[in-house]
Protein backbone atom coordinates (compact mmCIF):
# COMPACT_ATOMS: atom_id res chain seq x y z
CA UNK A 1 -0.08 -0.10 -0.35
CA UNK A 2 1.44 3.28 -1.04
CA UNK A 3 0.85 6.63 1.06
CA UNK A 4 1.04 9.95 1.19
CA UNK A 5 1.41 11.88 4.42
CA UNK A 6 0.35 15.58 4.27
CA UNK A 7 2.34 17.47 6.96
CA UNK A 8 5.79 17.33 8.07
CA UNK A 9 5.33 18.69 11.41
CA UNK A 10 5.34 16.80 14.87
CA UNK A 11 2.50 14.91 14.09
CA UNK A 12 3.67 14.19 10.34
CA UNK A 13 6.68 12.44 11.76
CA UNK A 14 4.86 10.44 14.41
CA UNK A 15 2.91 8.96 11.39
CA UNK A 16 5.94 8.23 9.10
CA UNK A 17 7.79 6.68 12.21
CA UNK A 18 4.44 4.52 12.81
CA UNK A 19 3.98 3.90 9.13
CA UNK A 20 7.77 2.33 8.71
CA UNK A 21 6.62 -0.36 11.49
CA UNK A 22 3.59 -1.63 9.20
CA UNK A 23 4.44 -4.45 6.86
CA UNK A 24 3.71 -4.00 3.01
CA UNK A 25 2.88 -0.06 3.43
CA UNK A 26 5.46 2.74 1.85
CA UNK A 27 5.26 6.23 1.94
CA UNK A 28 5.71 7.40 -1.56
CA UNK A 29 4.91 11.23 -1.21
CA UNK A 30 5.38 13.75 1.61
CA UNK A 31 3.39 17.19 1.65
CA UNK A 32 4.85 20.15 3.61
CA UNK A 33 4.23 23.90 3.91
CA UNK A 34 7.86 24.68 3.01
CA UNK A 35 9.77 22.48 0.31
CA UNK A 36 13.42 22.61 2.37
CA UNK A 37 12.25 21.45 5.78
CA UNK A 38 10.03 18.90 4.15
CA UNK A 39 12.87 17.47 1.88
CA UNK A 40 14.77 17.19 5.04
CA UNK A 41 12.22 15.22 6.67
CA UNK A 42 11.76 13.11 3.40
CA UNK A 43 15.25 12.10 2.75
CA UNK A 44 15.42 10.82 6.70
CA UNK A 45 12.39 8.49 6.17
CA UNK A 46 13.36 7.75 2.59
CA UNK A 47 10.25 9.53 0.80
CA UNK A 48 11.11 9.53 -2.41
CA UNK A 49 8.73 12.46 -3.34
CA UNK A 50 8.32 15.96 -2.14
CA UNK A 51 5.46 18.56 -2.54
CA UNK A 52 3.89 21.96 -1.30
CA UNK A 53 0.68 21.34 -2.72
CA UNK A 54 -1.62 18.47 -1.92
CA UNK A 55 -3.26 18.51 -5.15
CA UNK A 56 0.22 17.35 -6.69
CA UNK A 57 0.40 14.51 -4.48
CA UNK A 58 -3.31 13.15 -5.25
CA UNK A 59 -2.48 13.23 -8.91
CA UNK A 60 0.35 10.51 -9.01
CA UNK A 61 -0.62 7.19 -9.57
CA UNK A 62 1.53 5.87 -6.66
CA UNK A 63 -1.00 7.18 -4.31
CA UNK A 64 -3.74 4.83 -2.45
CA UNK A 65 -4.07 6.51 0.82
CA UNK A 66 -3.59 10.02 2.70
CA UNK A 67 -2.68 10.51 6.02
CA UNK A 68 -3.58 14.40 6.88
CA UNK A 69 -1.46 15.96 9.61
CA UNK A 70 -1.96 19.63 8.57
CA UNK A 71 -3.61 22.46 10.26
CA UNK A 72 -6.95 21.81 11.84
CA UNK A 73 -8.83 24.63 9.56
CA UNK A 74 -7.40 22.29 6.36
CA UNK A 75 -8.95 19.05 7.59
CA UNK A 76 -12.34 18.89 5.82
CA UNK A 77 -11.75 20.40 2.69
CA UNK A 78 -8.44 18.29 2.36
CA UNK A 79 -10.36 15.10 3.66
CA UNK A 80 -12.99 15.74 1.16
CA UNK A 81 -10.37 16.50 -1.82
CA UNK A 82 -8.58 13.11 -1.45
CA UNK A 83 -12.06 11.10 -1.42
CA UNK A 84 -12.77 12.97 -4.65
CA UNK A 85 -9.64 11.60 -5.86
CA UNK A 86 -10.03 8.20 -5.03
CA UNK A 87 -8.06 8.03 -2.01
CA UNK A 88 -8.84 6.59 1.17
CA UNK A 89 -8.08 9.13 3.85
CA UNK A 90 -7.10 9.43 7.59
CA UNK A 91 -7.67 12.73 9.23
CA UNK A 92 -5.70 13.57 12.48
CA UNK A 93 -8.05 15.00 15.06
CA UNK A 94 -9.97 16.79 15.12
CA UNK A 95 -12.13 15.95 11.72
CA UNK A 96 -13.42 19.69 11.49
CA UNK A 97 -13.45 23.03 13.60
CA UNK A 98 -17.11 23.13 12.48
CA UNK A 99 -20.03 20.66 12.49
CA UNK A 100 -21.13 21.56 9.00
CA UNK A 101 -17.46 20.89 7.63
CA UNK A 102 -17.45 17.54 9.79
CA UNK A 103 -21.19 16.40 8.51
CA UNK A 104 -19.78 16.82 4.78
CA UNK A 105 -16.74 14.82 5.30
CA UNK A 106 -19.22 12.00 6.54
CA UNK A 107 -21.53 12.52 3.45
CA UNK A 108 -18.58 12.34 1.05
CA UNK A 109 -17.42 8.99 2.70
CA UNK A 110 -20.97 7.64 2.86
CA UNK A 111 -21.19 8.45 -1.29
CA UNK A 112 -17.59 7.28 -2.11
CA UNK A 113 -17.50 4.21 0.07
CA UNK A 114 -14.08 4.75 0.77
CA UNK A 115 -11.93 4.51 4.09
CA UNK A 116 -12.45 7.69 6.24
CA UNK A 117 -10.99 7.78 9.65
CA UNK A 118 -10.14 10.11 12.24
CA UNK A 119 -7.11 10.22 14.45
CA UNK A 120 -9.35 9.65 17.91
CA UNK A 121 -6.12 8.30 19.21
CA UNK A 122 -7.37 7.63 22.41
CA UNK A 123 -9.40 4.52 21.50
CA UNK A 124 -5.92 2.95 20.45
CA UNK A 125 -3.52 3.75 23.44
CA UNK A 126 -3.13 0.11 24.86
CA UNK A 127 -4.13 1.97 28.16
CA UNK A 128 -7.50 3.17 27.46
CA UNK A 129 -8.28 -0.47 25.31
CA UNK A 130 -7.25 -2.22 28.65
CA UNK A 131 -9.79 -0.24 29.98
CA UNK A 132 -12.55 -0.63 27.55
CA UNK A 133 -12.05 -4.30 27.18
CA UNK A 134 -12.77 -4.72 31.00
CA UNK A 135 -16.19 -2.29 30.33
CA UNK A 136 -17.06 -4.84 27.71
CA UNK A 137 -16.33 -7.81 29.79
CA UNK A 138 -18.73 -6.20 32.57
CA UNK A 139 -15.78 -5.95 34.97
CA UNK A 140 -15.47 -2.45 35.35
CA UNK A 141 -18.57 0.01 35.13
CA UNK A 142 -17.33 3.89 34.72
CA UNK A 143 -18.53 5.98 37.19
CA UNK A 144 -16.68 9.33 36.66
CA UNK A 145 -13.80 10.20 34.83
CA UNK A 146 -11.73 13.01 35.66
CA UNK A 147 -9.45 14.76 33.17
CA UNK A 148 -6.83 17.03 32.96
CA UNK A 149 -5.61 18.67 29.46
CA UNK A 150 -2.57 20.85 30.19
CA UNK A 151 -0.17 22.83 28.14
CA UNK A 152 1.78 25.50 28.29
CA UNK A 153 1.09 27.63 25.20
CA UNK A 154 0.67 31.40 25.68
CA UNK A 155 2.90 31.40 22.23
CA UNK A 156 1.72 29.70 18.98
CA UNK A 157 4.25 27.08 19.05
CA UNK A 158 3.34 23.09 18.20
CA UNK A 159 4.20 20.02 20.08
CA UNK A 160 7.90 20.37 19.45
CA UNK A 161 8.46 23.80 20.70
CA UNK A 162 8.29 25.23 17.32
CA UNK A 163 6.35 28.48 15.74
CA UNK A 164 3.06 27.17 14.35
CA UNK A 165 1.65 28.76 11.23
CA UNK A 166 -1.94 28.16 12.69
CA UNK A 167 -4.01 28.60 15.79
CA UNK A 168 -4.89 25.63 18.01
CA UNK A 169 -7.98 25.37 20.04
CA UNK A 170 -8.63 23.71 23.29
CA UNK A 171 -12.46 22.73 22.27
CA UNK A 172 -12.22 21.38 18.74
CA UNK A 173 -9.06 19.83 19.23
CA UNK A 174 -8.54 18.83 22.47
CA UNK A 175 -11.63 18.18 24.20
CA UNK A 176 -12.40 16.21 21.09
CA UNK A 177 -10.14 13.38 22.72
CA UNK A 178 -12.03 13.31 25.88
CA UNK A 179 -15.74 13.83 24.70
CA UNK A 180 -15.39 10.81 22.18
CA UNK A 181 -13.41 8.56 24.77
CA UNK A 182 -15.91 9.34 27.61
CA UNK A 183 -18.77 8.22 25.04
CA UNK A 184 -16.59 5.04 24.05
CA UNK A 185 -16.10 3.96 27.55
CA UNK A 186 -19.24 5.34 29.32
CA UNK A 187 -22.30 5.25 26.69
CA UNK A 188 -23.91 7.92 24.73
CA UNK A 189 -23.62 11.36 26.03
CA UNK A 190 -26.72 13.07 27.06
CA UNK A 191 -25.94 16.37 28.69
CA UNK A 192 -22.81 18.77 28.40
CA UNK A 193 -22.01 21.88 29.87
CA UNK A 194 -19.29 24.52 29.16
CA UNK A 195 -17.46 27.58 30.14
CA UNK A 196 -14.32 28.94 29.17
CA UNK A 197 -11.73 31.88 30.17
CA UNK A 198 -10.82 35.05 28.49
CA UNK A 199 -9.26 35.03 25.36
CA UNK A 200 -5.55 35.42 24.39
CA UNK A 201 -5.50 38.98 23.37
CA UNK A 202 -3.61 38.30 20.42
CA UNK A 203 -4.09 34.43 19.62
CA UNK A 204 -7.87 35.04 20.33
CA UNK A 205 -8.62 31.78 21.55
CA UNK A 206 -10.10 30.84 25.14
CA UNK A 207 -6.69 29.58 27.27
CA UNK A 208 -8.67 28.01 30.07
CA UNK A 209 -12.27 25.65 29.67
CA UNK A 210 -14.31 23.75 32.06
CA UNK A 211 -16.35 20.96 30.76
CA UNK A 212 -19.16 18.93 32.22
CA UNK A 213 -20.51 15.62 30.47
CA UNK A 214 -23.17 12.89 31.57
CA UNK A 215 -23.88 9.51 29.72
CA UNK A 216 -26.96 7.55 29.57
CA UNK A 217 -25.62 5.52 32.37
CA UNK A 218 -25.54 8.31 34.60
CA UNK A 219 -21.70 8.18 34.65
CA UNK A 220 -19.85 11.49 34.80
CA UNK A 221 -16.86 13.49 33.42
CA UNK A 222 -15.16 16.74 34.25
CA UNK A 223 -12.69 17.84 32.08
CA UNK A 224 -10.34 20.80 32.79
CA UNK A 225 -8.50 21.94 29.52
CA UNK A 226 -5.52 24.90 29.92
CA UNK A 227 -2.73 26.77 27.53
CA UNK A 228 -1.52 28.61 30.69
CA UNK A 229 -0.16 25.37 32.70
CA UNK A 230 3.28 25.75 33.55
CA UNK A 231 4.09 22.43 34.79
CA UNK A 232 3.71 19.01 34.01
CA UNK A 233 1.93 19.18 30.39
CA UNK A 234 -0.40 16.63 28.48
CA UNK A 235 -3.50 14.95 29.17
CA UNK A 236 -4.31 12.68 32.14
CA UNK A 237 -7.55 10.61 32.51
CA UNK A 238 -8.71 9.10 35.87
CA UNK A 239 -11.07 6.53 35.54
CA UNK A 240 -13.20 5.87 38.85
CA UNK A 241 -15.42 2.94 38.67
CA UNK A 242 -17.14 0.31 40.57
CA UNK A 243 -14.52 -2.00 40.79
CA UNK A 244 -11.15 -0.05 40.76
CA UNK A 245 -9.37 3.30 40.00
CA UNK A 246 -7.43 3.88 37.22
CA UNK A 247 -4.94 6.29 35.66
CA UNK A 248 -4.10 6.53 32.09
CA UNK A 249 -1.08 8.85 31.05
CA UNK A 250 -1.48 8.35 27.11
CA UNK A 251 -0.21 4.52 26.41
CA UNK A 252 0.67 3.60 30.33
CA UNK A 253 -1.75 2.65 32.84
CA UNK A 254 -1.30 3.00 36.51
CA UNK A 255 -4.19 1.79 39.48
CA UNK A 256 -5.60 4.54 42.04
CA UNK A 257 -2.13 3.68 44.36
CA UNK A 258 0.29 4.13 41.27
CA UNK A 259 0.84 0.53 40.60
CA UNK A 260 1.73 0.00 37.02
CA UNK A 261 -0.64 -2.12 34.92
CA UNK A 262 1.05 -4.07 32.31
CA UNK A 263 -0.72 -3.47 29.06
CA UNK A 264 1.65 -4.96 27.04
CA UNK A 265 -0.70 -8.27 25.73
CA UNK A 266 -3.24 -5.70 24.83
CA UNK A 267 -2.05 -4.81 21.23
CA UNK A 268 0.51 -5.87 18.75
CA UNK A 269 1.99 -2.28 19.73
CA UNK A 270 2.64 -0.06 22.76
CA UNK A 271 2.39 3.10 20.50
CA UNK A 272 -1.35 4.63 20.25
CA UNK A 273 -0.36 6.21 16.85
CA UNK A 274 0.90 2.96 15.38
CA UNK A 275 -1.90 1.40 16.02
CA UNK A 276 -4.32 3.80 14.86
CA UNK A 277 -2.35 3.82 11.29
CA UNK A 278 -2.48 -0.31 11.63
CA UNK A 279 -6.31 -0.05 12.02
CA UNK A 280 -6.28 2.37 8.92
CA UNK A 281 -4.22 0.11 6.64
CA UNK A 282 -6.24 -2.94 7.71
CA UNK A 283 -9.73 -1.27 7.21
CA UNK A 284 -8.53 -0.71 3.54
CA UNK A 285 -7.25 -3.94 3.06
CA UNK A 286 -10.28 -5.86 4.45
CA UNK A 287 -12.66 -3.38 2.75
CA UNK A 288 -14.40 -2.36 6.02
CA UNK A 289 -15.18 0.79 8.03
CA UNK A 290 -12.54 1.66 10.54
CA UNK A 291 -12.70 2.05 14.16
CA UNK A 292 -12.89 5.75 14.64
CA UNK A 293 -14.83 6.25 11.11
CA UNK A 294 -15.68 9.70 10.32
CA UNK A 295 -19.31 8.64 10.76
CA UNK A 296 -18.51 7.17 13.85
CA UNK A 297 -16.87 10.07 15.60
CA UNK A 298 -19.69 12.74 14.18
CA UNK A 299 -21.45 12.69 17.73
CA UNK A 300 -18.38 13.96 19.19
CA UNK A 301 -18.69 17.02 16.97
CA UNK A 302 -22.18 17.56 17.34
CA UNK A 303 -21.47 17.85 20.98
CA UNK A 304 -18.35 20.23 20.73
CA UNK A 305 -20.65 22.44 18.28
CA UNK A 306 -23.50 22.56 21.11
CA UNK A 307 -21.08 23.25 23.85
CA UNK A 308 -19.25 26.10 21.40
CA UNK A 309 -23.02 27.67 21.35
CA UNK A 310 -22.94 27.61 25.10
CA UNK A 311 -20.14 29.85 25.36
CA UNK A 312 -21.39 32.29 23.22
CA UNK A 313 -19.40 31.07 19.71
CA UNK A 314 -20.93 30.12 16.18
């Protein structure tokens, strides 16, 4: 399978590293905003073709599928362009930053029959998969999730600390991880409330946000998000359930007493991004809808839209 990766930044590199571990897959084209740094990344990973325009890569005969690790504001339009060109597509989270755009991608997925997947990585992290299997077996029922998403981004930087050409968003990007995960672990969401702090004077986005969710099972989720946190960075999930407490830190999992839980037998890798990419490739090969397809995660974006309206947004 021949794949184009669009985006040569921090997450584009994560996908290139992951794809290198999947048998029968080669990256044939790399798209980046600036040619010189994109060529540097391409040389490192042995990618033979570099472009600064996705359309150039979509016109090539050696591209079967595309992974989009591009700015959020481009995701929906680029995903639709990929499917219009007959290419399967995986879009890094979020699918879009407007509900109408997310719905348009799902409509295109349905009309083309192509694989359209979204990088909701928490469904693939071994830590969250371990908890999910306990839920499916009836061994654990989520009563509450307490989640902290903390970064220090008072300047417009990416995950590598490099200047970013676009603005990230606490609600449409970072909250999307937890909103989708909570529904996956605790059942369909039935209520949501959100509040945000004052906007950044230059970036124009809220730097702090608080979200409450409730599922049909009665489970609760409290999510705190901040771009002002000058301390430990990342997202930390505490599952409080009827038979235990677990804390997930990306791919790692501990119990409520900080005792490490072995998740090595959950899947073929301990890397959530690699597992996500393996699912994308497998869905294409097996001609099936992937876990975290665009249609599957659409309810998450409907709740994000509702919360944005609560906070006085679009």
